Protein backbone atom coordinates (compact mmCIF):
# COMPACT_ATOMS: atom_id res chain seq x y z
CA MET A 1 29.88 -8.32 32.68
CA ASP A 2 26.51 -7.51 34.28
CA PRO A 3 24.29 -6.46 31.33
CA ILE A 4 22.62 -3.69 33.36
CA PHE A 5 26.01 -2.35 34.40
CA GLU A 6 27.16 -2.55 30.80
CA SER A 7 24.09 -0.64 29.56
CA ASN A 8 24.80 2.11 32.10
CA LEU A 9 28.33 2.43 30.77
CA LEU A 10 26.94 2.93 27.26
CA GLN A 11 24.77 5.85 28.31
CA THR A 12 25.66 9.32 27.13
CA ARG A 13 26.01 12.13 29.65
CA ARG A 14 22.73 13.59 28.38
CA GLN A 15 20.93 10.26 28.86
CA PHE A 16 22.27 9.93 32.42
CA PHE A 17 21.01 13.33 33.59
CA GLY A 18 17.77 13.03 31.60
CA HIS A 19 16.94 9.62 33.02
CA SER A 20 17.91 10.68 36.55
CA GLY A 21 15.39 13.50 36.42
CA LEU A 22 12.71 11.22 35.04
CA ARG A 23 13.33 8.64 37.76
CA LEU A 24 13.11 11.23 40.56
CA GLY A 25 9.90 12.57 39.08
CA GLY A 26 8.55 9.04 38.74
CA LEU A 27 9.33 8.28 42.41
CA GLY A 28 7.50 11.41 43.51
CA LEU A 29 4.48 10.59 41.38
CA THR A 30 4.47 7.00 42.62
CA TYR A 31 4.56 8.15 46.23
CA ALA A 32 1.75 10.62 45.63
CA MET A 33 -0.49 8.14 43.85
CA GLY A 34 0.40 5.05 45.83
CA ARG A 35 1.17 3.05 42.71
CA ASP A 36 3.83 0.50 41.90
CA ALA A 37 6.35 2.17 39.57
CA PHE A 38 6.94 -1.09 37.74
CA ALA A 39 3.35 -2.25 37.39
CA ALA A 40 2.54 -3.91 34.08
CA PRO A 41 1.42 -1.29 31.55
CA SER A 42 -2.16 -1.30 30.39
CA PRO A 43 -2.66 -2.92 26.99
CA GLN A 44 -1.55 -0.52 24.28
CA VAL A 45 -3.47 0.39 21.14
CA TYR A 46 -2.45 2.54 18.19
CA GLN A 47 -3.17 6.13 19.19
CA PRO A 48 -3.16 9.13 16.81
CA LEU A 49 -0.52 11.78 17.24
CA PRO A 50 -1.63 14.87 19.18
CA GLY A 51 -3.31 17.33 16.83
CA LEU A 52 -4.13 14.76 14.15
CA PRO A 53 -6.03 14.65 11.95
CA HIS A 54 -5.20 18.20 10.90
CA PHE A 55 -8.71 18.66 9.50
CA ALA A 56 -11.85 16.60 9.03
CA ALA A 57 -10.99 13.39 7.21
CA LYS A 58 -13.05 12.07 4.32
CA ALA A 59 -11.43 8.61 4.56
CA LYS A 60 -11.10 6.61 7.77
CA ALA A 61 -9.35 3.68 6.05
CA VAL A 62 -7.26 3.03 2.94
CA ILE A 63 -7.14 -0.05 0.68
CA TYR A 64 -4.18 0.16 -1.69
CA LEU A 65 -4.34 -2.29 -4.62
CA HIS A 66 -0.82 -2.38 -6.06
CA MET A 67 -0.30 -4.20 -9.37
CA ASN A 68 3.40 -4.99 -9.03
CA GLY A 69 5.35 -4.99 -12.28
CA GLY A 70 3.65 -2.12 -14.08
CA PRO A 71 0.30 -2.73 -15.84
CA SER A 72 -0.02 -1.45 -19.40
CA GLN A 73 -2.10 1.72 -19.46
CA LEU A 74 -2.60 1.27 -23.22
CA ASP A 75 -4.36 -2.06 -22.72
CA THR A 76 -6.50 -1.06 -19.73
CA TRP A 77 -7.44 2.61 -19.28
CA ASP A 78 -5.70 4.88 -21.85
CA TYR A 79 -7.77 4.42 -25.03
CA LYS A 80 -5.82 5.32 -28.20
CA PRO A 81 -7.83 4.09 -31.22
CA GLN A 82 -5.77 6.19 -33.66
CA LEU A 83 -2.76 3.94 -33.01
CA GLN A 84 -4.25 1.29 -35.30
CA GLU A 85 -3.01 3.41 -38.20
CA TRP A 86 0.51 3.30 -36.74
CA TYR A 87 0.79 -0.47 -36.46
CA ASP A 88 4.45 -1.56 -36.89
CA LYS A 89 5.60 1.96 -37.76
CA ASP A 90 8.47 3.35 -35.73
CA LEU A 91 7.79 5.70 -32.86
CA PRO A 92 8.73 9.18 -34.11
CA PRO A 93 12.01 10.45 -32.58
CA SER A 94 10.25 13.72 -31.78
CA VAL A 95 7.92 11.78 -29.46
CA GLN A 96 10.64 9.73 -27.84
CA GLY A 97 12.63 12.91 -27.35
CA GLY A 98 15.85 11.24 -26.24
CA GLN A 99 14.26 10.06 -22.99
CA ARG A 100 15.94 7.39 -20.93
CA LEU A 101 15.30 3.78 -21.98
CA THR A 102 15.97 0.56 -20.13
CA GLY A 103 18.86 -1.67 -21.14
CA MET A 104 16.30 -4.12 -22.52
CA THR A 105 15.23 -1.91 -25.44
CA SER A 106 17.91 0.78 -25.72
CA LYS A 107 19.79 -1.35 -28.30
CA GLN A 108 16.75 -2.20 -30.42
CA ALA A 109 17.16 -1.31 -34.08
CA ARG A 110 13.47 -0.34 -34.29
CA PHE A 111 10.70 0.85 -31.99
CA PRO A 112 7.59 -0.56 -33.69
CA ILE A 113 4.29 0.79 -32.40
CA ALA A 114 1.98 -1.89 -30.98
CA PRO A 115 -1.67 -0.79 -30.81
CA SER A 116 -3.71 -2.53 -28.14
CA LEU A 117 -5.16 -5.85 -29.19
CA PHE A 118 -8.17 -5.32 -26.93
CA LYS A 119 -11.50 -3.66 -27.60
CA PHE A 120 -12.65 -0.69 -25.56
CA ALA A 121 -16.20 0.38 -24.75
CA GLN A 122 -17.83 3.27 -22.92
CA TYR A 123 -19.30 2.70 -19.46
CA GLY A 124 -21.34 4.63 -16.91
CA LYS A 125 -22.94 8.04 -17.04
CA CYS A 126 -19.47 9.53 -17.50
CA GLY A 127 -18.91 7.53 -20.70
CA ARG A 128 -15.47 6.30 -19.60
CA TRP A 129 -13.61 4.19 -22.18
CA VAL A 130 -12.45 0.95 -20.53
CA SER A 131 -10.77 -2.16 -21.93
CA GLU A 132 -12.68 -5.40 -22.39
CA LEU A 133 -10.21 -6.84 -19.85
CA LEU A 134 -11.94 -4.98 -16.99
CA PRO A 135 -15.72 -5.49 -17.32
CA HIS A 136 -16.36 -5.71 -13.57
CA THR A 137 -14.31 -2.66 -12.60
CA ALA A 138 -15.84 -0.79 -15.55
CA LYS A 139 -19.26 -1.00 -13.87
CA HIS A 140 -17.93 1.37 -11.19
CA VAL A 141 -16.50 4.15 -13.36
CA ASP A 142 -19.01 6.64 -11.96
CA ASP A 143 -17.41 6.09 -8.53
CA ILE A 144 -13.83 6.21 -9.86
CA ALA A 145 -11.52 9.18 -10.41
CA LEU A 146 -9.09 8.13 -13.16
CA ILE A 147 -5.70 9.85 -13.17
CA LYS A 148 -4.10 9.35 -16.60
CA THR A 149 -0.89 11.35 -16.22
CA VAL A 150 0.91 9.81 -13.27
CA HIS A 151 4.69 9.91 -13.62
CA THR A 152 7.59 8.69 -11.52
CA ASN A 153 11.35 9.15 -11.18
CA ALA A 154 12.47 5.53 -11.58
CA ILE A 155 12.57 3.28 -14.64
CA ASN A 156 13.50 -0.08 -13.04
CA HIS A 157 11.41 -2.14 -10.64
CA ASP A 158 13.44 -2.05 -7.43
CA PRO A 159 13.74 1.75 -7.14
CA ALA A 160 10.30 2.30 -8.71
CA CYS A 161 8.55 -0.02 -6.22
CA THR A 162 10.42 1.65 -3.38
CA PHE A 163 9.46 5.07 -4.74
CA VAL A 164 5.75 4.39 -5.20
CA MET A 165 5.37 3.37 -1.54
CA THR A 166 7.94 5.56 0.25
CA GLY A 167 8.40 8.61 -1.99
CA ARG A 168 12.12 7.76 -2.36
CA GLU A 169 14.11 5.50 -4.66
CA VAL A 170 16.53 4.41 -1.93
CA PRO A 171 15.69 2.06 0.97
CA GLY A 172 15.35 3.17 4.55
CA PHE A 173 12.36 5.49 4.35
CA ALA A 174 8.89 4.90 5.77
CA SER A 175 6.07 3.57 3.60
CA ILE A 176 2.78 5.38 3.12
CA GLY A 177 0.94 2.77 5.20
CA SER A 178 3.38 3.33 8.06
CA TRP A 179 3.00 7.11 7.85
CA LEU A 180 -0.79 6.82 8.04
CA SER A 181 -0.58 4.35 10.92
CA TYR A 182 1.94 6.55 12.76
CA GLY A 183 -0.11 9.72 12.33
CA LEU A 184 -3.64 8.45 12.73
CA GLY A 185 -3.37 5.24 14.76
CA SER A 186 -6.16 2.72 14.41
CA GLU A 187 -9.69 2.13 15.59
CA SER A 188 -8.97 -1.56 16.15
CA ASN A 189 -7.73 -2.86 19.49
CA ASP A 190 -7.29 -6.40 18.23
CA LEU A 191 -5.74 -6.13 14.75
CA PRO A 192 -2.68 -4.29 13.44
CA SER A 193 -3.15 -0.78 12.15
CA PHE A 194 -1.42 -1.67 8.86
CA VAL A 195 -1.89 -5.07 7.20
CA VAL A 196 -0.28 -6.41 4.00
CA LEU A 197 -1.64 -9.17 1.73
CA THR A 198 0.45 -10.74 -1.06
CA PRO A 199 -1.80 -12.98 -3.17
CA LYS A 200 -0.62 -15.40 -5.85
CA TRP A 201 -0.77 -14.52 -9.55
CA SER A 202 -1.69 -16.33 -12.79
CA ALA A 203 0.80 -14.91 -15.32
CA LYS A 204 3.02 -17.62 -16.77
CA ALA A 205 6.23 -15.61 -16.56
CA PRO A 206 8.22 -15.30 -13.29
CA ALA A 207 7.20 -12.24 -11.30
CA GLN A 208 9.31 -9.45 -9.87
CA ALA A 209 10.14 -9.85 -6.19
CA LEU A 210 8.29 -7.92 -3.53
CA PHE A 211 10.42 -5.93 -1.11
CA THR A 212 9.52 -5.63 2.57
CA ARG A 213 10.60 -2.00 2.36
CA MET A 214 7.31 -1.40 0.52
CA TRP A 215 5.53 -1.82 3.87
CA SER A 216 8.40 -1.00 6.22
CA SER A 217 8.25 1.74 8.83
CA GLY A 218 11.80 2.78 7.92
CA PHE A 219 12.95 5.33 10.51
CA LEU A 220 9.53 5.45 12.22
CA PRO A 221 9.03 3.24 15.29
CA GLY A 222 8.93 -0.43 14.31
CA LYS A 223 5.37 -1.03 15.47
CA PHE A 224 4.13 0.96 12.47
CA SER A 225 5.50 -1.52 9.94
CA GLY A 226 2.92 -3.43 7.96
CA VAL A 227 2.06 -6.90 9.24
CA ALA A 228 2.09 -9.32 6.30
CA LEU A 229 -0.49 -12.11 6.58
CA ARG A 230 0.65 -15.37 5.02
CA ALA A 231 -1.27 -16.80 2.07
CA VAL A 232 -0.68 -20.45 2.97
CA GLY A 233 -1.19 -22.13 6.35
CA ASP A 234 -1.76 -20.00 9.44
CA PRO A 235 -1.99 -16.31 8.44
CA VAL A 236 0.53 -15.54 11.18
CA LEU A 237 3.24 -17.94 12.28
CA TYR A 238 2.79 -19.38 15.79
CA ILE A 239 -0.73 -17.93 16.05
CA GLN A 240 -1.69 -20.99 18.11
CA ASN A 241 -0.33 -21.60 21.59
CA PRO A 242 1.89 -24.68 21.86
CA ASP A 243 0.54 -27.76 23.55
CA GLY A 244 0.32 -27.34 27.31
CA VAL A 245 0.21 -23.52 27.22
CA SER A 246 -3.20 -22.02 27.93
CA GLY A 247 -4.36 -18.50 27.19
CA THR A 248 -4.19 -17.75 30.92
CA HIS A 249 -0.57 -18.87 31.08
CA ARG A 250 0.26 -16.79 28.00
CA ARG A 251 -1.37 -13.73 29.57
CA ALA A 252 0.63 -14.14 32.79
CA MET A 253 3.87 -14.57 30.85
CA LEU A 254 3.23 -11.40 28.79
CA ASP A 255 2.40 -9.37 31.89
CA THR A 256 5.68 -10.41 33.50
CA LEU A 257 7.57 -9.76 30.28
CA ALA A 258 5.99 -6.31 30.04
CA GLN A 259 7.27 -5.52 33.54
CA MET A 260 10.78 -6.56 32.57
CA ASN A 261 10.66 -4.52 29.36
CA ALA A 262 9.32 -1.50 31.27
CA HIS A 263 12.28 -1.81 33.60
CA SER A 264 14.63 -1.91 30.61
CA PHE A 265 12.97 1.15 29.09
CA ALA A 266 13.38 3.07 32.34
CA LYS A 267 17.09 2.21 32.21
CA LEU A 268 17.83 2.79 28.52
CA GLY A 269 15.03 4.92 27.12
CA ASP A 270 15.09 3.00 23.83
CA PRO A 271 11.70 3.58 22.08
CA GLU A 272 11.97 0.20 20.36
CA ILE A 273 11.47 -1.41 23.79
CA GLN A 274 8.01 0.17 23.85
CA THR A 275 7.48 -1.19 20.36
CA ARG A 276 8.35 -4.67 21.66
CA ILE A 277 5.84 -4.32 24.53
CA SER A 278 3.03 -3.20 22.24
CA GLN A 279 3.78 -5.86 19.63
CA TYR A 280 3.72 -8.66 22.19
CA GLU A 281 0.36 -7.35 23.33
CA MET A 282 -0.97 -7.13 19.78
CA ALA A 283 0.27 -10.66 19.03
CA PHE A 284 -1.70 -11.95 22.02
CA ARG A 285 -4.87 -10.24 20.82
CA MET A 286 -4.35 -11.52 17.26
CA GLN A 287 -4.50 -15.10 18.55
CA THR A 288 -8.24 -14.51 18.80
CA SER A 289 -8.90 -11.85 16.18
CA VAL A 290 -6.98 -13.33 13.21
CA PRO A 291 -8.69 -16.77 13.13
CA GLU A 292 -12.05 -14.96 13.27
CA LEU A 293 -10.91 -12.57 10.51
CA VAL A 294 -10.04 -15.30 8.00
CA ASP A 295 -13.06 -17.48 8.77
CA LEU A 296 -15.53 -16.61 5.99
CA LYS A 297 -18.40 -18.75 7.30
CA SER A 298 -20.31 -15.65 8.35
CA GLU A 299 -20.33 -14.32 4.78
CA SER A 300 -23.47 -14.88 2.74
CA GLN A 301 -23.31 -17.08 -0.34
CA ALA A 302 -24.32 -14.09 -2.46
CA THR A 303 -21.32 -12.14 -1.19
CA LEU A 304 -18.91 -15.03 -1.80
CA ASP A 305 -20.28 -15.53 -5.31
CA MET A 306 -19.79 -11.85 -6.03
CA TYR A 307 -16.03 -12.14 -5.40
CA GLY A 308 -15.72 -15.12 -7.73
CA PRO A 309 -14.92 -18.84 -7.63
CA GLU A 310 -11.49 -18.44 -5.97
CA VAL A 311 -12.72 -16.52 -2.93
CA LEU A 312 -12.41 -19.56 -0.65
CA GLN A 313 -8.91 -20.41 -1.89
CA PRO A 314 -6.38 -19.00 0.62
CA GLY A 315 -3.80 -16.86 -1.14
CA SER A 316 -6.01 -15.94 -4.10
CA PHE A 317 -6.60 -12.31 -5.01
CA ALA A 318 -10.32 -12.82 -4.41
CA ALA A 319 -9.65 -14.05 -0.87
CA SER A 320 -7.37 -11.04 -0.29
CA ALA A 321 -10.02 -8.63 -1.56
CA ILE A 322 -12.71 -9.86 0.82
CA LEU A 323 -10.19 -9.89 3.69
CA ALA A 324 -9.39 -6.25 2.88
CA ARG A 325 -13.05 -5.38 3.35
CA ARG A 326 -13.24 -7.41 6.59
CA LEU A 327 -10.11 -5.67 7.92
CA VAL A 328 -11.35 -2.11 7.37
CA GLU A 329 -14.73 -3.19 8.75
CA ARG A 330 -12.89 -4.16 11.96
CA GLY A 331 -11.00 -0.89 12.26
CA THR A 332 -7.68 -1.51 10.49
CA ARG A 333 -6.36 1.78 9.12
CA VAL A 334 -4.45 0.62 6.00
CA VAL A 335 -4.65 -2.57 3.94
CA GLN A 336 -2.13 -3.08 1.16
CA VAL A 337 -2.78 -5.79 -1.45
CA LEU A 338 0.20 -6.45 -3.73
CA HIS A 339 -0.48 -8.58 -6.81
CA ARG A 340 2.55 -9.71 -8.79
CA GLY A 341 3.13 -10.68 -12.42
CA TRP A 342 2.40 -7.46 -14.38
CA ASP A 343 5.91 -7.13 -15.86
CA GLN A 344 4.97 -8.12 -19.41
CA HIS A 345 7.96 -7.64 -21.71
CA GLY A 346 6.64 -10.42 -23.96
CA ASN A 347 3.43 -12.40 -24.34
CA LEU A 348 1.53 -9.39 -23.04
CA PRO A 349 -1.89 -10.24 -24.53
CA SER A 350 -2.05 -13.69 -22.96
CA ASP A 351 -0.48 -12.74 -19.62
CA ILE A 352 -2.50 -9.58 -19.04
CA ARG A 353 -5.68 -11.58 -19.66
CA LEU A 354 -4.64 -13.88 -16.83
CA GLN A 355 -3.78 -11.00 -14.51
CA CYS A 356 -7.04 -9.18 -15.15
CA GLY A 357 -8.84 -12.50 -14.76
CA ASP A 358 -7.33 -12.72 -11.27
CA THR A 359 -8.18 -9.21 -10.19
CA ASP A 360 -11.06 -7.64 -12.11
CA GLN A 361 -14.03 -9.48 -10.60
CA PRO A 362 -12.73 -9.25 -7.00
CA ILE A 363 -12.01 -5.53 -7.40
CA GLY A 364 -15.49 -4.91 -8.77
CA ALA A 365 -16.92 -6.98 -5.91
CA LEU A 366 -14.86 -5.07 -3.34
CA LEU A 367 -16.24 -1.74 -4.55
CA THR A 368 -19.78 -3.12 -4.59
CA ASP A 369 -19.37 -4.70 -1.15
CA LEU A 370 -17.98 -1.54 0.43
CA LYS A 371 -20.78 0.52 -1.10
CA GLN A 372 -23.54 -1.85 0.02
CA ARG A 373 -22.22 -1.78 3.59
CA GLY A 374 -21.90 2.01 3.68
CA LEU A 375 -18.12 1.78 3.87
CA LEU A 376 -17.08 3.21 0.51
CA ASP A 377 -17.66 6.82 1.56
CA SER A 378 -15.16 6.37 4.39
CA THR A 379 -12.72 4.01 2.63
CA LEU A 380 -10.27 5.28 0.01
CA VAL A 381 -9.44 2.61 -2.58
CA ILE A 382 -6.36 3.12 -4.81
CA TRP A 383 -5.33 1.05 -7.86
CA GLY A 384 -2.07 1.31 -9.78
CA GLY A 385 1.47 0.06 -10.38
CA GLU A 386 4.98 1.47 -10.08
CA PHE A 387 5.06 2.69 -13.73
CA GLY A 388 3.40 2.06 -17.10
CA ARG A 389 4.46 0.41 -20.38
CA THR A 390 5.78 1.69 -23.72
CA VAL A 391 3.66 2.14 -26.83
CA TYR A 392 6.31 0.34 -28.87
CA SER A 393 6.87 -3.39 -28.70
CA GLN A 394 9.85 -4.94 -27.02
CA GLY A 395 11.30 -7.59 -29.32
CA GLY A 396 9.07 -8.99 -32.04
CA LEU A 397 5.63 -7.74 -33.02
CA THR A 398 2.75 -9.63 -34.60
CA LYS A 399 -0.98 -8.96 -34.83
CA GLU A 400 -1.56 -11.41 -31.95
CA ASN A 401 1.46 -10.84 -29.75
CA TYR A 402 3.67 -8.08 -28.42
CA GLY A 403 5.48 -6.99 -25.27
CA ARG A 404 6.04 -3.59 -23.72
CA ASP A 405 9.00 -2.16 -21.81
CA HIS A 406 8.94 -0.04 -18.63
CA HIS A 407 7.59 3.49 -19.08
CA PRO A 408 7.76 5.98 -16.17
CA ARG A 409 6.70 9.07 -18.16
CA ASN A 410 2.94 8.55 -17.95
CA PHE A 411 0.62 5.84 -16.66
CA CYS A 412 -2.81 5.44 -15.11
CA MET A 413 -3.99 5.12 -11.52
CA TRP A 414 -7.44 5.45 -10.05
CA MET A 415 -9.07 6.27 -6.73
CA ALA A 416 -12.57 5.56 -5.47
CA GLY A 417 -14.49 6.30 -2.27
CA GLY A 418 -13.11 8.29 0.64
CA GLY A 419 -14.37 11.64 -0.61
CA VAL A 420 -13.11 11.20 -4.17
CA LYS A 421 -15.16 12.71 -6.99
CA GLY A 422 -16.34 9.80 -9.10
CA GLY A 423 -16.81 9.73 -12.85
CA ILE A 424 -14.00 12.13 -13.68
CA SER A 425 -10.69 11.87 -15.50
CA PHE A 426 -7.65 13.99 -14.66
CA GLY A 427 -4.97 14.74 -17.25
CA GLU A 428 -4.37 13.54 -20.79
CA SER A 429 -1.44 11.80 -22.44
CA ASP A 430 -0.32 12.51 -25.99
CA ASP A 431 -1.51 10.53 -29.02
CA PHE A 432 1.05 7.79 -28.29
CA SER A 433 0.53 7.54 -24.52
CA TYR A 434 4.22 8.37 -24.29
CA ASN A 435 4.25 11.90 -22.87
CA ILE A 436 1.94 14.03 -20.76
CA ALA A 437 -0.16 16.47 -22.75
CA THR A 438 -2.01 18.19 -19.88
CA ASP A 439 -2.10 18.16 -16.07
CA PRO A 440 0.85 16.04 -14.87
CA ALA A 441 0.48 14.13 -11.59
CA HIS A 442 3.69 13.13 -9.83
CA LEU A 443 3.54 10.03 -7.63
CA ASN A 444 4.12 12.21 -4.60
CA ASP A 445 1.13 14.32 -5.68
CA ILE A 446 -0.82 11.05 -5.45
CA ASN A 447 0.60 10.46 -1.96
CA ALA A 448 -0.23 14.02 -0.91
CA THR A 449 -3.81 13.49 -2.11
CA ILE A 450 -4.14 10.20 -0.22
CA MET A 451 -2.96 11.87 2.98
CA HIS A 452 -5.29 14.83 2.42
CA GLN A 453 -8.29 12.55 2.16
CA CYS A 454 -7.25 11.01 5.48
CA GLY A 455 -7.18 14.45 7.14
CA ILE A 456 -3.41 14.99 6.98
CA ASP A 457 -1.53 18.00 5.62
CA HIS A 458 1.42 16.20 4.01
CA GLU A 459 3.72 19.16 4.70
CA ARG A 460 3.00 19.07 8.44
CA LEU A 461 3.45 15.36 9.21
CA ASN A 462 7.21 15.11 9.79
CA PHE A 463 9.69 12.93 11.64
CA LYS A 464 13.20 13.94 12.60
CA PHE A 465 15.65 11.75 10.67
CA GLN A 466 19.34 12.38 10.03
CA GLY A 467 18.93 15.97 11.15
CA LEU A 468 16.05 16.70 8.78
CA ASP A 469 12.27 16.87 9.13
CA ALA A 470 11.54 13.90 6.86
CA ARG A 471 8.12 13.46 5.31
CA LEU A 472 6.52 11.06 2.86
CA THR A 473 6.31 13.54 -0.01
CA GLY A 474 9.90 14.77 0.25
CA VAL A 475 11.28 18.30 0.16
CA GLU A 476 10.12 19.25 -3.34
CA LYS A 477 6.82 21.06 -3.66
CA GLN A 478 4.03 18.55 -4.14
CA HIS A 479 0.34 19.28 -4.61
CA VAL A 480 -2.94 17.73 -3.59
CA ILE A 481 -4.86 16.94 -6.78
CA LYS A 482 -7.92 18.98 -5.82
CA GLN A 483 -9.72 18.23 -9.09
CA VAL A 484 -10.37 14.64 -7.98
CA ILE A 485 -11.77 15.43 -4.51
């Protein structure tokens, strides 16, 4: 059967009359303007939605540093020196309070408290207590707003990772990077609005998988999905033209293809056809922009040294950190860096040293680099995981070794730049870092705050999905954490 004839048969009555009116209007406009109705569209860029931003934005770009697996707040940011007196004593039932446990520790006979093995010291004018694991990040505490009472709905990785990025535990919803790209567009004509980097990790244990839904556009148009750059080989597959195909030939092919897709869109009205047109165009531009992006020859030796010895190793966290700065410098709206290996049920002291060794110096360098270039004020940097870790040890406990299970009730995240008030701490956990004592911060409160700093009222950015006005922060009442801005 003729595919065009078949597509016409699949049209609804509403589509038929709607498209007929559009075509008649298009013919009239074409006649009046003397233009070819099927001329190749001009190259598309990511444009903001009408009326956005809702108010003046503090942040023009976002760098989201996600520590996948759940870093231990007790060994990094939540200083609890009094726990030394509780070593190997059971967590009081009144503290545990019958809360949900994972299947990995719910059958344990005991819940022995494991104080952090690491020393803490005070840094900055604010006097923030920070673990010895994070000496480079600690230098920036006066630029950081630490949120110590983040909590989430999920207790296992798959739903928790989905929740932290989409505001839902179930797949199919749009990620925060996609929402920002959809609402605000991008200042770059040559790079995607939303880019994802997935560096390697040093922990000895196998890492939890990353899910593409963490950077998926879900029900939003497909062009707002994050573009994941590869860590090994060409950052993007087929970035080079094949032998015998010049840039001129590629341009002519894309122009013809755009005409064909425009014809299909006029017939079917499928918005994903427009996505295809724009993505072909972006892919063509990336053939020039991506090789320039990943070529670090223009960086000074002092800058490279600041990021650490692995900065020139493709796929390292250090290389990802400097690429994040180069991306926002070139107009990319959102950069997501996902570092795996933080799921430390055993051997936590040795593995978390490796993970912090991967990330601490590059993160400190990223904050310094952004500040030196005048970009930190307009770039919001976020650090955190999908949940925290328990105060009690999973399995055995010795003075030199312990593990911690998943803990969604309270954990730490921080923000810097982008209009955030540095040197402050929001919320406090109890003496065991097990429950929230003051000022809870739901993960969707975090998302609402991120959107606010980008000039978006999270309650007003909606998209019709399954008959509802879907939004990132869901239907429950969420709040911008005004104390940190």
